[in-house]
């Protein structure tokens, strides 16, 4: 019976599983970090007929759309108590 344990790799078997799971978690966290860094805000407007346009917040139209959206959120949001 002692000979069986000598053929097993050094270390605990659960460590291999733990290492694999933690590496997947690290990869997922890195993916989310990269996505968060590359994602830029924009305002998208759609017209009837299916035509649409995206505006960056640096443009004059984008700035006006972001301000209007912020005011709508303030008006529609919960009332302070």
PDB file of N, CA and C in Angstrom:
ATOM      1  N   UNK A   1       0.816  -1.198   0.000  1.00  0.00           N
ATOM      2  CA  UNK A   1       0.000   0.000   0.000  1.00  0.00           C
ATOM      3  C   UNK A   1       0.858   1.260   0.000  1.00  0.00           C
ATOM      4  N   UNK A   2       2.002   1.225   0.638  1.00  0.00           N
ATOM      5  CA  UNK A   2       2.871   2.393   0.701  1.00  0.00           C
ATOM      6  C   UNK A   2       3.454   2.711  -0.667  1.00  0.00           C
ATOM      7  N   UNK A   3       3.593   1.712  -1.543  1.00  0.00           N
ATOM      8  CA  UNK A   3       4.150   1.927  -2.871  1.00  0.00           C
ATOM      9  C   UNK A   3       3.258   2.777  -3.763  1.00  0.00           C
ATOM     10  N   UNK A   4       1.963   2.749  -3.539  1.00  0.00           N
ATOM     11  CA  UNK A   4       1.023   3.544  -4.346  1.00  0.00           C
ATOM     12  C   UNK A   4       1.265   5.033  -4.110  1.00  0.00           C
ATOM     13  N   UNK A   5       1.465   5.426  -2.883  1.00  0.00           N
ATOM     14  CA  UNK A   5       1.636   6.838  -2.552  1.00  0.00           C
ATOM     15  C   UNK A   5       2.965   7.396  -3.052  1.00  0.00           C
ATOM     16  N   UNK A   6       3.938   6.529  -3.265  1.00  0.00           N
ATOM     17  CA  UNK A   6       5.222   6.997  -3.779  1.00  0.00           C
ATOM     18  C   UNK A   6       5.129   7.384  -5.247  1.00  0.00           C
ATOM     19  N   UNK A   7       4.179   6.848  -5.981  1.00  0.00           N
ATOM     20  CA  UNK A   7       4.055   7.155  -7.406  1.00  0.00           C
ATOM     21  C   UNK A   7       3.256   8.430  -7.659  1.00  0.00           C
ATOM     22  N   UNK A   8       2.555   8.938  -6.654  1.00  0.00           N
ATOM     23  CA  UNK A   8       1.785  10.171  -6.823  1.00  0.00           C
ATOM     24  C   UNK A   8       2.732  11.363  -6.878  1.00  0.00           C
ATOM     25  N   UNK A   9       2.367  12.399  -7.620  1.00  0.00           N
ATOM     26  CA  UNK A   9       3.222  13.587  -7.668  1.00  0.00           C
ATOM     27  C   UNK A   9       3.289  14.251  -6.298  1.00  0.00           C
ATOM     28  N   UNK A  10       4.369  14.980  -6.087  1.00  0.00           N
ATOM     29  CA  UNK A  10       4.568  15.658  -4.812  1.00  0.00           C
ATOM     30  C   UNK A  10       3.532  16.764  -4.684  1.00  0.00           C
ATOM     31  N   UNK A  11       2.972  16.909  -3.514  1.00  0.00           N
ATOM     32  CA  UNK A  11       1.974  17.946  -3.286  1.00  0.00           C
ATOM     33  C   UNK A  11       0.583  17.353  -3.165  1.00  0.00           C
ATOM     34  N   UNK A  12      -0.329  18.183  -2.862  1.00  0.00           N
ATOM     35  CA  UNK A  12      -1.710  17.753  -2.677  1.00  0.00           C
ATOM     36  C   UNK A  12      -2.474  17.834  -4.007  1.00  0.00           C
ATOM     37  N   UNK A  13      -3.357  16.885  -4.296  1.00  0.00           N
ATOM     38  CA  UNK A  13      -4.089  16.901  -5.568  1.00  0.00           C
ATOM     39  C   UNK A  13      -4.998  18.127  -5.724  1.00  0.00           C
ATOM     40  N   UNK A  14      -5.526  18.646  -4.632  1.00  0.00           N
ATOM     41  CA  UNK A  14      -6.434  19.790  -4.733  1.00  0.00           C
ATOM     42  C   UNK A  14      -5.699  21.061  -5.165  1.00  0.00           C
ATOM     43  N   UNK A  15      -4.387  21.100  -4.981  1.00  0.00           N
ATOM     44  CA  UNK A  15      -3.625  22.295  -5.368  1.00  0.00           C
ATOM     45  C   UNK A  15      -3.613  22.498  -6.873  1.00  0.00           C
ATOM     46  N   UNK A  16      -3.617  21.424  -7.627  1.00  0.00           N
ATOM     47  CA  UNK A  16      -3.660  21.539  -9.093  1.00  0.00           C
ATOM     48  C   UNK A  16      -4.991  22.148  -9.525  1.00  0.00           C
ATOM     49  N   UNK A  17      -6.072  21.703  -8.908  1.00  0.00           N
ATOM     50  CA  UNK A  17      -7.398  22.251  -9.245  1.00  0.00           C
ATOM     51  C   UNK A  17      -7.482  23.706  -8.800  1.00  0.00           C
ATOM     52  N   UNK A  18      -6.994  23.998  -7.610  1.00  0.00           N
ATOM     53  CA  UNK A  18      -7.007  25.367  -7.105  1.00  0.00           C
ATOM     54  C   UNK A  18      -6.194  26.298  -8.001  1.00  0.00           C
ATOM     55  N   UNK A  19      -5.052  25.814  -8.468  1.00  0.00           N
ATOM     56  CA  UNK A  19      -4.206  26.610  -9.356  1.00  0.00           C
ATOM     57  C   UNK A  19      -4.922  26.899 -10.672  1.00  0.00           C
ATOM     58  N   UNK A  20      -5.590  25.914 -11.220  1.00  0.00           N
ATOM     59  CA  UNK A  20      -6.302  26.089 -12.487  1.00  0.00           C
ATOM     60  C   UNK A  20      -7.454  27.073 -12.332  1.00  0.00           C
ATOM     61  N   UNK A  21      -8.236  26.939 -11.264  1.00  0.00           N
ATOM     62  CA  UNK A  21      -9.369  27.838 -11.032  1.00  0.00           C
ATOM     63  C   UNK A  21      -8.888  29.263 -10.806  1.00  0.00           C
ATOM     64  N   UNK A  22      -7.823  29.432 -10.034  1.00  0.00           N
ATOM     65  CA  UNK A  22      -7.328  30.781  -9.775  1.00  0.00           C
ATOM     66  C   UNK A  22      -6.762  31.414 -11.045  1.00  0.00           C
ATOM     67  N   UNK A  23      -6.171  30.611 -11.934  1.00  0.00           N
ATOM     68  CA  UNK A  23      -5.662  31.179 -13.185  1.00  0.00           C
ATOM     69  C   UNK A  23      -6.819  31.631 -14.064  1.00  0.00           C
ATOM     70  N   UNK A  24      -7.927  30.881 -14.095  1.00  0.00           N
ATOM     71  CA  UNK A  24      -9.113  31.311 -14.847  1.00  0.00           C
ATOM     72  C   UNK A  24      -9.670  32.602 -14.265  1.00  0.00           C
ATOM     73  N   UNK A  25      -9.707  32.717 -12.943  1.00  0.00           N
ATOM     74  CA  UNK A  25     -10.213  33.927 -12.295  1.00  0.00           C
ATOM     75  C   UNK A  25      -9.317  35.121 -12.609  1.00  0.00           C
ATOM     76  N   UNK A  26      -8.005  34.918 -12.614  1.00  0.00           N
ATOM     77  CA  UNK A  26      -7.076  35.999 -12.964  1.00  0.00           C
ATOM     78  C   UNK A  26      -7.279  36.457 -14.400  1.00  0.00           C
ATOM     79  N   UNK A  27      -7.482  35.497 -15.309  1.00  0.00           N
ATOM     80  CA  UNK A  27      -7.721  35.845 -16.706  1.00  0.00           C
ATOM     81  C   UNK A  27      -9.003  36.644 -16.867  1.00  0.00           C
ATOM     82  N   UNK A  28     -10.059  36.235 -16.175  1.00  0.00           N
ATOM     83  CA  UNK A  28     -11.338  36.948 -16.258  1.00  0.00           C
ATOM     84  C   UNK A  28     -11.212  38.358 -15.702  1.00  0.00           C
ATOM     85  N   UNK A  29     -10.504  38.527 -14.602  1.00  0.00           N
ATOM     86  CA  UNK A  29     -10.311  39.859 -14.018  1.00  0.00           C
ATOM     87  C   UNK A  29      -9.521  40.757 -14.962  1.00  0.00           C
ATOM     88  N   UNK A  30      -8.505  40.215 -15.608  1.00  0.00           N
ATOM     89  CA  UNK A  30      -7.716  41.001 -16.562  1.00  0.00           C
ATOM     90  C   UNK A  30      -8.570  41.409 -17.764  1.00  0.00           C
ATOM     91  N   UNK A  31      -9.418  40.502 -18.237  1.00  0.00           N
ATOM     92  CA  UNK A  31     -10.295  40.826 -19.353  1.00  0.00           C
ATOM     93  C   UNK A  31     -11.226  41.978 -18.991  1.00  0.00           C
ATOM     94  N   UNK A  32     -11.824  41.923 -17.814  1.00  0.00           N
ATOM     95  CA  UNK A  32     -12.729  42.987 -17.386  1.00  0.00           C
ATOM     96  C   UNK A  32     -11.993  44.306 -17.207  1.00  0.00           C
ATOM     97  N   UNK A  33     -10.770  44.256 -16.692  1.00  0.00           N
ATOM     98  CA  UNK A  33      -9.973  45.474 -16.546  1.00  0.00           C
ATOM     99  C   UNK A  33      -9.680  46.108 -17.904  1.00  0.00           C
ATOM    100  N   UNK A  34      -9.267  45.283 -18.874  1.00  0.00           N
ATOM    101  CA  UNK A  34      -8.984  45.813 -20.212  1.00  0.00           C
ATOM    102  C   UNK A  34     -10.238  46.386 -20.846  1.00  0.00           C
ATOM    103  N   UNK A  35     -11.354  45.717 -20.676  1.00  0.00           N
ATOM    104  CA  UNK A  35     -12.608  46.189 -21.261  1.00  0.00           C
ATOM    105  C   UNK A  35     -13.016  47.524 -20.649  1.00  0.00           C
ATOM    106  N   UNK A  36     -12.850  47.660 -19.344  1.00  0.00           N
ATOM    107  CA  UNK A  36     -13.222  48.889 -18.662  1.00  0.00           C
ATOM    108  C   UNK A  36     -12.330  50.044 -19.113  1.00  0.00           C
ATOM    109  N   UNK A  37     -11.054  49.786 -19.372  1.00  0.00           N
ATOM    110  CA  UNK A  37     -10.133  50.837 -19.791  1.00  0.00           C
ATOM    111  C   UNK A  37     -10.392  51.301 -21.220  1.00  0.00           C
ATOM    112  N   UNK A  38     -10.809  50.395 -22.090  1.00  0.00           N
ATOM    113  CA  UNK A  38     -10.998  50.755 -23.498  1.00  0.00           C
ATOM    114  C   UNK A  38     -12.393  51.276 -23.792  1.00  0.00           C
ATOM    115  N   UNK A  39     -13.324  51.077 -22.894  1.00  0.00           N
ATOM    116  CA  UNK A  39     -14.707  51.492 -23.144  1.00  0.00           C
ATOM    117  C   UNK A  39     -14.823  53.005 -22.965  1.00  0.00           C
ATOM    118  N   UNK A  40     -15.362  53.680 -23.958  1.00  0.00           N
ATOM    119  CA  UNK A  40     -15.531  55.127 -23.924  1.00  0.00           C
ATOM    120  C   UNK A  40     -17.019  55.466 -23.968  1.00  0.00           C
ATOM    121  N   UNK A  41     -17.461  56.484 -23.229  1.00  0.00           N
ATOM    122  CA  UNK A  41     -18.879  56.867 -23.275  1.00  0.00           C
ATOM    123  C   UNK A  41     -19.226  57.508 -24.619  1.00  0.00           C
ATOM    124  N   UNK A  42     -20.467  57.338 -25.018  1.00  0.00           N
ATOM    125  CA  UNK A  42     -20.967  57.958 -26.233  1.00  0.00           C
ATOM    126  C   UNK A  42     -22.471  58.075 -26.131  1.00  0.00           C
ATOM    127  N   UNK A  43     -23.021  58.941 -26.936  1.00  0.00           N
ATOM    128  CA  UNK A  43     -24.486  59.084 -27.001  1.00  0.00           C
ATOM    129  C   UNK A  43     -24.912  58.640 -28.394  1.00  0.00           C
ATOM    130  N   UNK A  44     -25.888  57.775 -28.463  1.00  0.00           N
ATOM    131  CA  UNK A  44     -26.380  57.275 -29.748  1.00  0.00           C
ATOM    132  C   UNK A  44     -27.807  57.772 -29.945  1.00  0.00           C
ATOM    133  N   UNK A  45     -28.074  58.331 -31.111  1.00  0.00           N
ATOM    134  CA  UNK A  45     -29.392  58.865 -31.449  1.00  0.00           C
ATOM    135  C   UNK A  45     -29.911  58.108 -32.658  1.00  0.00           C
ATOM    136  N   UNK A  46     -31.194  57.706 -32.592  1.00  0.00           N
ATOM    137  CA  UNK A  46     -31.833  56.996 -33.700  1.00  0.00           C
ATOM    138  C   UNK A  46     -32.977  57.831 -34.248  1.00  0.00           C
ATOM    139  N   UNK A  47     -33.106  57.885 -35.552  1.00  0.00           N
ATOM    140  CA  UNK A  47     -34.208  58.567 -36.211  1.00  0.00           C
ATOM    141  C   UNK A  47     -35.154  57.540 -36.782  1.00  0.00           C
ATOM    142  N   UNK A  48     -36.374  57.979 -37.096  1.00  0.00           N
ATOM    143  CA  UNK A  48     -37.314  57.057 -37.738  1.00  0.00           C
ATOM    144  C   UNK A  48     -36.734  56.665 -39.089  1.00  0.00           C
ATOM    145  N   UNK A  49     -36.944  55.442 -39.473  1.00  0.00           N
ATOM    146  CA  UNK A  49     -36.348  54.933 -40.693  1.00  0.00           C
ATOM    147  C   UNK A  49     -35.101  54.113 -40.419  1.00  0.00           C
ATOM    148  N   UNK A  50     -34.639  54.086 -39.146  1.00  0.00           N
ATOM    149  CA  UNK A  50     -33.521  53.235 -38.772  1.00  0.00           C
ATOM    150  C   UNK A  50     -32.151  53.878 -38.851  1.00  0.00           C
ATOM    151  N   UNK A  51     -32.056  55.136 -39.258  1.00  0.00           N
ATOM    152  CA  UNK A  51     -30.748  55.790 -39.311  1.00  0.00           C
ATOM    153  C   UNK A  51     -30.336  56.193 -37.899  1.00  0.00           C
ATOM    154  N   UNK A  52     -29.069  56.044 -37.589  1.00  0.00           N
ATOM    155  CA  UNK A  52     -28.580  56.402 -36.269  1.00  0.00           C
ATOM    156  C   UNK A  52     -27.200  57.014 -36.339  1.00  0.00           C
ATOM    157  N   UNK A  53     -26.812  57.681 -35.271  1.00  0.00           N
ATOM    158  CA  UNK A  53     -25.486  58.290 -35.192  1.00  0.00           C
ATOM    159  C   UNK A  53     -24.999  58.242 -33.749  1.00  0.00           C
ATOM    160  N   UNK A  54     -23.681  58.106 -33.585  1.00  0.00           N
ATOM    161  CA  UNK A  54     -23.049  58.111 -32.266  1.00  0.00           C
ATOM    162  C   UNK A  54     -22.249  59.396 -32.108  1.00  0.00           C
ATOM    163  N   UNK A  55     -22.333  59.988 -30.923  1.00  0.00           N
ATOM    164  CA  UNK A  55     -21.628  61.245 -30.651  1.00  0.00           C
ATOM    165  C   UNK A  55     -20.737  61.059 -29.435  1.00  0.00           C
ATOM    166  N   UNK A  56     -19.481  61.421 -29.577  1.00  0.00           N
ATOM    167  CA  UNK A  56     -18.527  61.366 -28.459  1.00  0.00           C
ATOM    168  C   UNK A  56     -18.780  62.555 -27.540  1.00  0.00           C
ATOM    169  N   UNK A  57     -18.473  62.449 -26.247  1.00  0.00           N
ATOM    170  CA  UNK A  57     -18.718  63.559 -25.325  1.00  0.00           C
ATOM    171  C   UNK A  57     -17.833  64.781 -25.593  1.00  0.00           C
ATOM    172  N   UNK A  58     -16.786  64.630 -26.397  1.00  0.00           N
ATOM    173  CA  UNK A  58     -15.910  65.764 -26.696  1.00  0.00           C
ATOM    174  C   UNK A  58     -16.507  66.713 -27.738  1.00  0.00           C
ATOM    175  N   UNK A  59     -17.492  66.218 -28.508  1.00  0.00           N
ATOM    176  CA  UNK A  59     -18.097  67.064 -29.528  1.00  0.00           C
ATOM    177  C   UNK A  59     -19.162  67.953 -28.900  1.00  0.00           C
ATOM    178  N   UNK A  60     -19.514  69.020 -29.598  1.00  0.00           N
ATOM    179  CA  UNK A  60     -20.530  69.945 -29.080  1.00  0.00           C
ATOM    180  C   UNK A  60     -21.891  69.252 -28.955  1.00  0.00           C
ATOM    181  N   UNK A  61     -22.262  68.477 -29.967  1.00  0.00           N
ATOM    182  CA  UNK A  61     -23.540  67.751 -29.925  1.00  0.00           C
ATOM    183  C   UNK A  61     -23.535  66.708 -28.816  1.00  0.00           C
ATOM    184  N   UNK A  62     -22.439  65.983 -28.683  1.00  0.00           N
ATOM    185  CA  UNK A  62     -22.333  64.975 -27.626  1.00  0.00           C
ATOM    186  C   UNK A  62     -22.432  65.593 -26.243  1.00  0.00           C
ATOM    187  N   UNK A  63     -21.768  66.723 -26.041  1.00  0.00           N
ATOM    188  CA  UNK A  63     -21.826  67.411 -24.747  1.00  0.00           C
ATOM    189  C   UNK A  63     -23.258  67.824 -24.418  1.00  0.00           C
ATOM    190  N   UNK A  64     -23.983  68.365 -25.420  1.00  0.00           N
ATOM    191  CA  UNK A  64     -25.376  68.775 -25.207  1.00  0.00           C
ATOM    192  C   UNK A  64     -26.255  67.568 -24.887  1.00  0.00           C
ATOM    193  N   UNK A  65     -26.030  66.448 -25.572  1.00  0.00           N
ATOM    194  CA  UNK A  65     -26.817  65.239 -25.300  1.00  0.00           C
ATOM    195  C   UNK A  65     -26.542  64.701 -23.902  1.00  0.00           C
ATOM    196  N   UNK A  66     -25.274  64.698 -23.474  1.00  0.00           N
ATOM    197  CA  UNK A  66     -24.937  64.213 -22.137  1.00  0.00           C
ATOM    198  C   UNK A  66     -25.551  65.104 -21.058  1.00  0.00           C
ATOM    199  N   UNK A  67     -25.536  66.413 -21.256  1.00  0.00           N
ATOM    200  CA  UNK A  67     -26.147  67.324 -20.277  1.00  0.00           C
ATOM    201  C   UNK A  67     -27.656  67.111 -20.198  1.00  0.00           C
ATOM    202  N   UNK A  68     -28.299  66.948 -21.358  1.00  0.00           N
ATOM    203  CA  UNK A  68     -29.752  66.711 -21.376  1.00  0.00           C
ATOM    204  C   UNK A  68     -30.089  65.384 -20.696  1.00  0.00           C
ATOM    205  N   UNK A  69     -29.289  64.365 -20.942  1.00  0.00           N
ATOM    206  CA  UNK A  69     -29.530  63.064 -20.308  1.00  0.00           C
ATOM    207  C   UNK A  69     -29.345  63.156 -18.791  1.00  0.00           C
ATOM    208  N   UNK A  70     -28.337  63.891 -18.342  1.00  0.00           N
ATOM    209  CA  UNK A  70     -28.115  64.051 -16.898  1.00  0.00           C
ATOM    210  C   UNK A  70     -29.291  64.763 -16.245  1.00  0.00           C
ATOM    211  N   UNK A  71     -29.834  65.785 -16.928  1.00  0.00           N
ATOM    212  CA  UNK A  71     -31.004  66.485 -16.381  1.00  0.00           C
ATOM    213  C   UNK A  71     -32.218  65.573 -16.326  1.00  0.00           C
ATOM    214  N   UNK A  72     -32.418  64.741 -17.359  1.00  0.00           N
ATOM    215  CA  UNK A  72     -33.538  63.795 -17.340  1.00  0.00           C
ATOM    216  C   UNK A  72     -33.400  62.789 -16.208  1.00  0.00           C
ATOM    217  N   UNK A  73     -32.201  62.318 -15.979  1.00  0.00           N
ATOM    218  CA  UNK A  73     -31.977  61.365 -14.885  1.00  0.00           C
ATOM    219  C   UNK A  73     -32.255  62.023 -13.541  1.00  0.00           C
ATOM    220  N   UNK A  74     -31.842  63.279 -13.381  1.00  0.00           N
ATOM    221  CA  UNK A  74     -32.101  63.996 -12.124  1.00  0.00           C
ATOM    222  C   UNK A  74     -33.603  64.184 -11.911  1.00  0.00           C
ATOM    223  N   UNK A  75     -34.329  64.520 -12.962  1.00  0.00           N
ATOM    224  CA  UNK A  75     -35.774  64.733 -12.829  1.00  0.00           C
ATOM    225  C   UNK A  75     -36.502  63.431 -12.565  1.00  0.00           C
ATOM    226  N   UNK A  76     -36.124  62.365 -13.255  1.00  0.00           N
ATOM    227  CA  UNK A  76     -36.828  61.096 -13.134  1.00  0.00           C
ATOM    228  C   UNK A  76     -36.372  60.275 -11.931  1.00  0.00           C
ATOM    229  N   UNK A  77     -35.251  60.640 -11.324  1.00  0.00           N
ATOM    230  CA  UNK A  77     -34.704  59.868 -10.217  1.00  0.00           C
ATOM    231  C   UNK A  77     -35.552  59.987  -8.964  1.00  0.00           C
ATOM    232  N   UNK A  78     -35.186  59.220  -7.943  1.00  0.00           N
ATOM    233  CA  UNK A  78     -35.942  59.269  -6.687  1.00  0.00           C
ATOM    234  C   UNK A  78     -35.828  60.641  -6.035  1.00  0.00           C
ATOM    235  N   UNK A  79     -36.892  61.055  -5.424  1.00  0.00           N
ATOM    236  CA  UNK A  79     -36.932  62.359  -4.737  1.00  0.00           C
ATOM    237  C   UNK A  79     -36.148  62.270  -3.426  1.00  0.00           C
ATOM    238  N   UNK A  80     -35.345  63.285  -3.097  1.00  0.00           N
ATOM    239  CA  UNK A  80     -34.613  63.260  -1.826  1.00  0.00           C
ATOM    240  C   UNK A  80     -35.580  63.347  -0.655  1.00  0.00           C
ATOM    241  N   UNK A  81     -35.230  62.671   0.420  1.00  0.00           N
ATOM    242  CA  UNK A  81     -36.118  62.645   1.591  1.00  0.00           C
ATOM    243  C   UNK A  81     -35.736  63.683   2.595  1.00  0.00           C
TER     244      UNK A  81
END
